[in-house]
PDB file of N, CA and C in Angstrom:
ATOM      1  N   UNK A   1       3.766  -4.818  -1.782  1.00  0.00           N
ATOM      2  CA  UNK A   1       4.571  -4.507  -0.621  1.00  0.00           C
ATOM      3  C   UNK A   1       4.260  -3.088  -0.128  1.00  0.00           C
ATOM      4  N   UNK A   2       4.258  -2.156  -1.056  1.00  0.00           N
ATOM      5  CA  UNK A   2       4.053  -0.761  -0.692  1.00  0.00           C
ATOM      6  C   UNK A   2       2.704  -0.556  -0.010  1.00  0.00           C
ATOM      7  N   UNK A   3       1.669  -1.220  -0.506  1.00  0.00           N
ATOM      8  CA  UNK A   3       0.336  -1.065   0.076  1.00  0.00           C
ATOM      9  C   UNK A   3       0.327  -1.452   1.549  1.00  0.00           C
ATOM     10  N   UNK A   4       1.116  -2.432   1.913  1.00  0.00           N
ATOM     11  CA  UNK A   4       1.140  -2.900   3.298  1.00  0.00           C
ATOM     12  C   UNK A   4       1.894  -1.943   4.225  1.00  0.00           C
ATOM     13  N   UNK A   5       2.897  -1.247   3.717  1.00  0.00           N
ATOM     14  CA  UNK A   5       3.722  -0.407   4.602  1.00  0.00           C
ATOM     15  C   UNK A   5       3.401   1.082   4.536  1.00  0.00           C
ATOM     16  N   UNK A   6       2.711   1.528   3.497  1.00  0.00           N
ATOM     17  CA  UNK A   6       2.558   2.970   3.331  1.00  0.00           C
ATOM     18  C   UNK A   6       1.796   3.640   4.469  1.00  0.00           C
ATOM     19  N   UNK A   7       0.905   2.922   5.123  1.00  0.00           N
ATOM     20  CA  UNK A   7       0.174   3.531   6.235  1.00  0.00           C
ATOM     21  C   UNK A   7       1.066   3.691   7.470  1.00  0.00           C
ATOM     22  N   UNK A   8       2.227   3.068   7.481  1.00  0.00           N
ATOM     23  CA  UNK A   8       3.132   3.133   8.622  1.00  0.00           C
ATOM     24  C   UNK A   8       4.352   4.039   8.368  1.00  0.00           C
ATOM     25  N   UNK A   9       4.442   4.602   7.187  1.00  0.00           N
ATOM     26  CA  UNK A   9       5.619   5.393   6.813  1.00  0.00           C
ATOM     27  C   UNK A   9       5.818   6.593   7.722  1.00  0.00           C
ATOM     28  N   UNK A  10       4.779   7.378   7.937  1.00  0.00           N
ATOM     29  CA  UNK A  10       4.931   8.579   8.767  1.00  0.00           C
ATOM     30  C   UNK A  10       5.371   8.219  10.181  1.00  0.00           C
ATOM     31  N   UNK A  11       4.799   7.168  10.725  1.00  0.00           N
ATOM     32  CA  UNK A  11       5.184   6.723  12.066  1.00  0.00           C
ATOM     33  C   UNK A  11       6.657   6.315  12.077  1.00  0.00           C
ATOM     34  N   UNK A  12       7.095   5.587  11.061  1.00  0.00           N
ATOM     35  CA  UNK A  12       8.495   5.173  10.973  1.00  0.00           C
ATOM     36  C   UNK A  12       9.429   6.352  10.814  1.00  0.00           C
ATOM     37  N   UNK A  13       9.022   7.338  10.038  1.00  0.00           N
ATOM     38  CA  UNK A  13       9.860   8.522   9.831  1.00  0.00           C
ATOM     39  C   UNK A  13      10.020   9.309  11.121  1.00  0.00           C
ATOM     40  N   UNK A  14       8.947   9.370  11.907  1.00  0.00           N
ATOM     41  CA  UNK A  14       9.039  10.056  13.209  1.00  0.00           C
ATOM     42  C   UNK A  14       9.885   9.239  14.177  1.00  0.00           C
ATOM     43  N   UNK A  15       9.633   7.929  14.212  1.00  0.00           N
ATOM     44  CA  UNK A  15      10.335   7.069  15.147  1.00  0.00           C
ATOM     45  C   UNK A  15      11.842   7.073  14.896  1.00  0.00           C
ATOM     46  N   UNK A  16      12.247   7.028  13.646  1.00  0.00           N
ATOM     47  CA  UNK A  16      13.665   6.997  13.286  1.00  0.00           C
ATOM     48  C   UNK A  16      14.233   8.388  13.051  1.00  0.00           C
ATOM     49  N   UNK A  17      13.380   9.425  13.187  1.00  0.00           N
ATOM     50  CA  UNK A  17      13.794  10.798  12.955  1.00  0.00           C
ATOM     51  C   UNK A  17      14.487  10.929  11.596  1.00  0.00           C
ATOM     52  N   UNK A  18      13.812  10.377  10.584  1.00  0.00           N
ATOM     53  CA  UNK A  18      14.375  10.359   9.237  1.00  0.00           C
ATOM     54  C   UNK A  18      13.288  10.700   8.231  1.00  0.00           C
ATOM     55  N   UNK A  19      13.434  11.837   7.579  1.00  0.00           N
ATOM     56  CA  UNK A  19      12.462  12.248   6.566  1.00  0.00           C
ATOM     57  C   UNK A  19      12.490  11.326   5.341  1.00  0.00           C
ATOM     58  N   UNK A  20      13.598  10.605   5.180  1.00  0.00           N
ATOM     59  CA  UNK A  20      13.736   9.758   3.992  1.00  0.00           C
ATOM     60  C   UNK A  20      13.542   8.271   4.287  1.00  0.00           C
ATOM     61  N   UNK A  21      13.015   7.932   5.479  1.00  0.00           N
ATOM     62  CA  UNK A  21      12.788   6.541   5.835  1.00  0.00           C
ATOM     63  C   UNK A  21      11.908   5.862   4.784  1.00  0.00           C
ATOM     64  N   UNK A  22      12.435   4.847   4.145  1.00  0.00           N
ATOM     65  CA  UNK A  22      11.781   4.074   3.084  1.00  0.00           C
ATOM     66  C   UNK A  22      11.377   4.914   1.869  1.00  0.00           C
ATOM     67  N   UNK A  23      12.005   6.066   1.695  1.00  0.00           N
ATOM     68  CA  UNK A  23      11.650   6.902   0.547  1.00  0.00           C
ATOM     69  C   UNK A  23      12.000   6.226  -0.775  1.00  0.00           C
ATOM     70  N   UNK A  24      13.046   5.388  -0.779  1.00  0.00           N
ATOM     71  CA  UNK A  24      13.397   4.668  -2.006  1.00  0.00           C
ATOM     72  C   UNK A  24      12.260   3.726  -2.416  1.00  0.00           C
ATOM     73  N   UNK A  25      11.632   3.070  -1.452  1.00  0.00           N
ATOM     74  CA  UNK A  25      10.507   2.183  -1.738  1.00  0.00           C
ATOM     75  C   UNK A  25       9.296   2.989  -2.206  1.00  0.00           C
ATOM     76  N   UNK A  26       9.071   4.117  -1.562  1.00  0.00           N
ATOM     77  CA  UNK A  26       7.955   4.991  -1.937  1.00  0.00           C
ATOM     78  C   UNK A  26       8.106   5.484  -3.375  1.00  0.00           C
ATOM     79  N   UNK A  27       9.288   5.960  -3.734  1.00  0.00           N
ATOM     80  CA  UNK A  27       9.517   6.477  -5.087  1.00  0.00           C
ATOM     81  C   UNK A  27       9.437   5.371  -6.132  1.00  0.00           C
ATOM     82  N   UNK A  28      10.004   4.217  -5.826  1.00  0.00           N
ATOM     83  CA  UNK A  28       9.947   3.091  -6.772  1.00  0.00           C
ATOM     84  C   UNK A  28       8.503   2.654  -6.991  1.00  0.00           C
ATOM     85  N   UNK A  29       7.710   2.645  -5.927  1.00  0.00           N
ATOM     86  CA  UNK A  29       6.302   2.259  -6.035  1.00  0.00           C
ATOM     87  C   UNK A  29       5.515   3.265  -6.861  1.00  0.00           C
ATOM     88  N   UNK A  30       5.784   4.534  -6.662  1.00  0.00           N
ATOM     89  CA  UNK A  30       5.102   5.569  -7.442  1.00  0.00           C
ATOM     90  C   UNK A  30       5.448   5.445  -8.920  1.00  0.00           C
ATOM     91  N   UNK A  31       6.727   5.193  -9.218  1.00  0.00           N
ATOM     92  CA  UNK A  31       7.128   5.017 -10.623  1.00  0.00           C
ATOM     93  C   UNK A  31       6.459   3.781 -11.226  1.00  0.00           C
ATOM     94  N   UNK A  32       6.426   2.686 -10.469  1.00  0.00           N
ATOM     95  CA  UNK A  32       5.802   1.469 -10.974  1.00  0.00           C
ATOM     96  C   UNK A  32       4.315   1.681 -11.233  1.00  0.00           C
ATOM     97  N   UNK A  33       3.627   2.348 -10.293  1.00  0.00           N
ATOM     98  CA  UNK A  33       2.195   2.584 -10.467  1.00  0.00           C
ATOM     99  C   UNK A  33       1.919   3.446 -11.700  1.00  0.00           C
ATOM    100  N   UNK A  34       2.721   4.463 -11.915  1.00  0.00           N
ATOM    101  CA  UNK A  34       2.550   5.316 -13.097  1.00  0.00           C
ATOM    102  C   UNK A  34       2.802   4.508 -14.367  1.00  0.00           C
ATOM    103  N   UNK A  35       3.856   3.704 -14.372  1.00  0.00           N
ATOM    104  CA  UNK A  35       4.183   2.863 -15.519  1.00  0.00           C
ATOM    105  C   UNK A  35       3.066   1.855 -15.776  1.00  0.00           C
ATOM    106  N   UNK A  36       2.601   1.209 -14.713  1.00  0.00           N
ATOM    107  CA  UNK A  36       1.563   0.195 -14.847  1.00  0.00           C
ATOM    108  C   UNK A  36       0.248   0.798 -15.326  1.00  0.00           C
ATOM    109  N   UNK A  37      -0.070   1.992 -14.857  1.00  0.00           N
ATOM    110  CA  UNK A  37      -1.320   2.637 -15.251  1.00  0.00           C
ATOM    111  C   UNK A  37      -1.350   2.936 -16.751  1.00  0.00           C
ATOM    112  N   UNK A  38      -0.195   3.230 -17.352  1.00  0.00           N
ATOM    113  CA  UNK A  38      -0.173   3.494 -18.791  1.00  0.00           C
ATOM    114  C   UNK A  38      -0.397   2.213 -19.587  1.00  0.00           C
ATOM    115  N   UNK A  39      -0.018   1.082 -19.031  1.00  0.00           N
ATOM    116  CA  UNK A  39      -0.147  -0.192 -19.737  1.00  0.00           C
ATOM    117  C   UNK A  39      -1.402  -0.968 -19.365  1.00  0.00           C
ATOM    118  N   UNK A  40      -1.870  -0.791 -18.139  1.00  0.00           N
ATOM    119  CA  UNK A  40      -3.046  -1.513 -17.645  1.00  0.00           C
ATOM    120  C   UNK A  40      -3.942  -0.551 -16.869  1.00  0.00           C
ATOM    121  N   UNK A  41      -4.617   0.342 -17.554  1.00  0.00           N
ATOM    122  CA  UNK A  41      -5.436   1.346 -16.859  1.00  0.00           C
ATOM    123  C   UNK A  41      -6.432   0.704 -15.901  1.00  0.00           C
ATOM    124  N   UNK A  42      -6.456   1.203 -14.684  1.00  0.00           N
ATOM    125  CA  UNK A  42      -7.398   0.717 -13.683  1.00  0.00           C
ATOM    126  C   UNK A  42      -6.916  -0.478 -12.880  1.00  0.00           C
ATOM    127  N   UNK A  43      -5.787  -1.054 -13.243  1.00  0.00           N
ATOM    128  CA  UNK A  43      -5.286  -2.249 -12.571  1.00  0.00           C
ATOM    129  C   UNK A  43      -4.972  -1.993 -11.099  1.00  0.00           C
ATOM    130  N   UNK A  44      -4.303  -0.910 -10.787  1.00  0.00           N
ATOM    131  CA  UNK A  44      -3.917  -0.613  -9.408  1.00  0.00           C
ATOM    132  C   UNK A  44      -5.164  -0.384  -8.553  1.00  0.00           C
ATOM    133  N   UNK A  45      -6.127   0.365  -9.077  1.00  0.00           N
ATOM    134  CA  UNK A  45      -7.364   0.625  -8.333  1.00  0.00           C
ATOM    135  C   UNK A  45      -8.123  -0.677  -8.075  1.00  0.00           C
ATOM    136  N   UNK A  46      -8.167  -1.547  -9.062  1.00  0.00           N
ATOM    137  CA  UNK A  46      -8.835  -2.836  -8.905  1.00  0.00           C
ATOM    138  C   UNK A  46      -8.124  -3.681  -7.857  1.00  0.00           C
ATOM    139  N   UNK A  47      -6.801  -3.683  -7.887  1.00  0.00           N
ATOM    140  CA  UNK A  47      -6.033  -4.456  -6.926  1.00  0.00           C
ATOM    141  C   UNK A  47      -6.257  -3.918  -5.505  1.00  0.00           C
ATOM    142  N   UNK A  48      -6.271  -2.600  -5.354  1.00  0.00           N
ATOM    143  CA  UNK A  48      -6.505  -2.009  -4.033  1.00  0.00           C
ATOM    144  C   UNK A  48      -7.886  -2.360  -3.510  1.00  0.00           C
ATOM    145  N   UNK A  49      -8.887  -2.335  -4.391  1.00  0.00           N
ATOM    146  CA  UNK A  49     -10.250  -2.693  -3.976  1.00  0.00           C
ATOM    147  C   UNK A  49     -10.304  -4.150  -3.553  1.00  0.00           C
ATOM    148  N   UNK A  50      -9.675  -5.021  -4.300  1.00  0.00           N
ATOM    149  CA  UNK A  50      -9.660  -6.435  -3.967  1.00  0.00           C
ATOM    150  C   UNK A  50      -8.992  -6.655  -2.607  1.00  0.00           C
ATOM    151  N   UNK A  51      -7.872  -5.983  -2.364  1.00  0.00           N
ATOM    152  CA  UNK A  51      -7.176  -6.116  -1.091  1.00  0.00           C
ATOM    153  C   UNK A  51      -8.033  -5.591   0.061  1.00  0.00           C
ATOM    154  N   UNK A  52      -8.747  -4.505  -0.159  1.00  0.00           N
ATOM    155  CA  UNK A  52      -9.631  -3.942   0.850  1.00  0.00           C
ATOM    156  C   UNK A  52     -10.772  -4.906   1.161  1.00  0.00           C
ATOM    157  N   UNK A  53     -11.358  -5.479   0.118  1.00  0.00           N
ATOM    158  CA  UNK A  53     -12.438  -6.451   0.306  1.00  0.00           C
ATOM    159  C   UNK A  53     -11.947  -7.673   1.071  1.00  0.00           C
ATOM    160  N   UNK A  54     -10.743  -8.128   0.771  1.00  0.00           N
ATOM    161  CA  UNK A  54     -10.172  -9.281   1.461  1.00  0.00           C
ATOM    162  C   UNK A  54      -9.940  -8.964   2.934  1.00  0.00           C
ATOM    163  N   UNK A  55      -9.491  -7.756   3.225  1.00  0.00           N
ATOM    164  CA  UNK A  55      -9.259  -7.350   4.613  1.00  0.00           C
ATOM    165  C   UNK A  55     -10.579  -7.297   5.378  1.00  0.00           C
ATOM    166  N   UNK A  56     -11.626  -6.763   4.754  1.00  0.00           N
ATOM    167  CA  UNK A  56     -12.948  -6.725   5.389  1.00  0.00           C
ATOM    168  C   UNK A  56     -13.442  -8.139   5.673  1.00  0.00           C
ATOM    169  N   UNK A  57     -13.257  -9.019   4.714  1.00  0.00           N
ATOM    170  CA  UNK A  57     -13.666 -10.413   4.875  1.00  0.00           C
ATOM    171  C   UNK A  57     -12.911 -11.065   6.033  1.00  0.00           C
ATOM    172  N   UNK A  58     -11.627 -10.811   6.114  1.00  0.00           N
ATOM    173  CA  UNK A  58     -10.808 -11.384   7.179  1.00  0.00           C
ATOM    174  C   UNK A  58     -11.293 -10.908   8.548  1.00  0.00           C
ATOM    175  N   UNK A  59     -11.618  -9.619   8.647  1.00  0.00           N
ATOM    176  CA  UNK A  59     -12.098  -9.076   9.910  1.00  0.00           C
ATOM    177  C   UNK A  59     -13.453  -9.662  10.293  1.00  0.00           C
ATOM    178  N   UNK A  60     -14.342  -9.836   9.311  1.00  0.00           N
ATOM    179  CA  UNK A  60     -15.632 -10.430   9.581  1.00  0.00           C
ATOM    180  C   UNK A  60     -15.493 -11.871  10.052  1.00  0.00           C
ATOM    181  N   UNK A  61     -14.589 -12.612   9.439  1.00  0.00           N
ATOM    182  CA  UNK A  61     -14.357 -13.995   9.844  1.00  0.00           C
ATOM    183  C   UNK A  61     -13.758 -14.069  11.250  1.00  0.00           C
ATOM    184  N   UNK A  62     -12.908 -13.116  11.580  1.00  0.00           N
ATOM    185  CA  UNK A  62     -12.314 -13.087  12.913  1.00  0.00           C
ATOM    186  C   UNK A  62     -13.377 -12.793  13.976  1.00  0.00           C
ATOM    187  N   UNK A  63     -14.337 -11.929  13.659  1.00  0.00           N
ATOM    188  CA  UNK A  63     -15.418 -11.624  14.588  1.00  0.00           C
ATOM    189  C   UNK A  63     -16.313 -12.844  14.797  1.00  0.00           C
ATOM    190  N   UNK A  64     -16.560 -13.587  13.726  1.00  0.00           N
ATOM    191  CA  UNK A  64     -17.448 -14.743  13.796  1.00  0.00           C
ATOM    192  C   UNK A  64     -16.809 -15.908  14.563  1.00  0.00           C
ATOM    193  N   UNK A  65     -15.499 -15.936  14.601  1.00  0.00           N
ATOM    194  CA  UNK A  65     -14.815 -17.075  15.256  1.00  0.00           C
ATOM    195  C   UNK A  65     -14.788 -16.975  16.748  1.00  0.00           C
TER     196      UNK A  65
END
């Protein structure tokens, strides 16, 4: 969830004039990532790469269609 919204956080904070817009989600995600990294080193980085590759694939397929 966090990966999908984090690129829009600053825009949302400006739009709503709220420095804490979705900060609870941001902090929970940071805690989860730190916790997960201690138990599954490299898992988050692998997941991000996979999501990036999937997005590139989706864009290429959209261009071809």
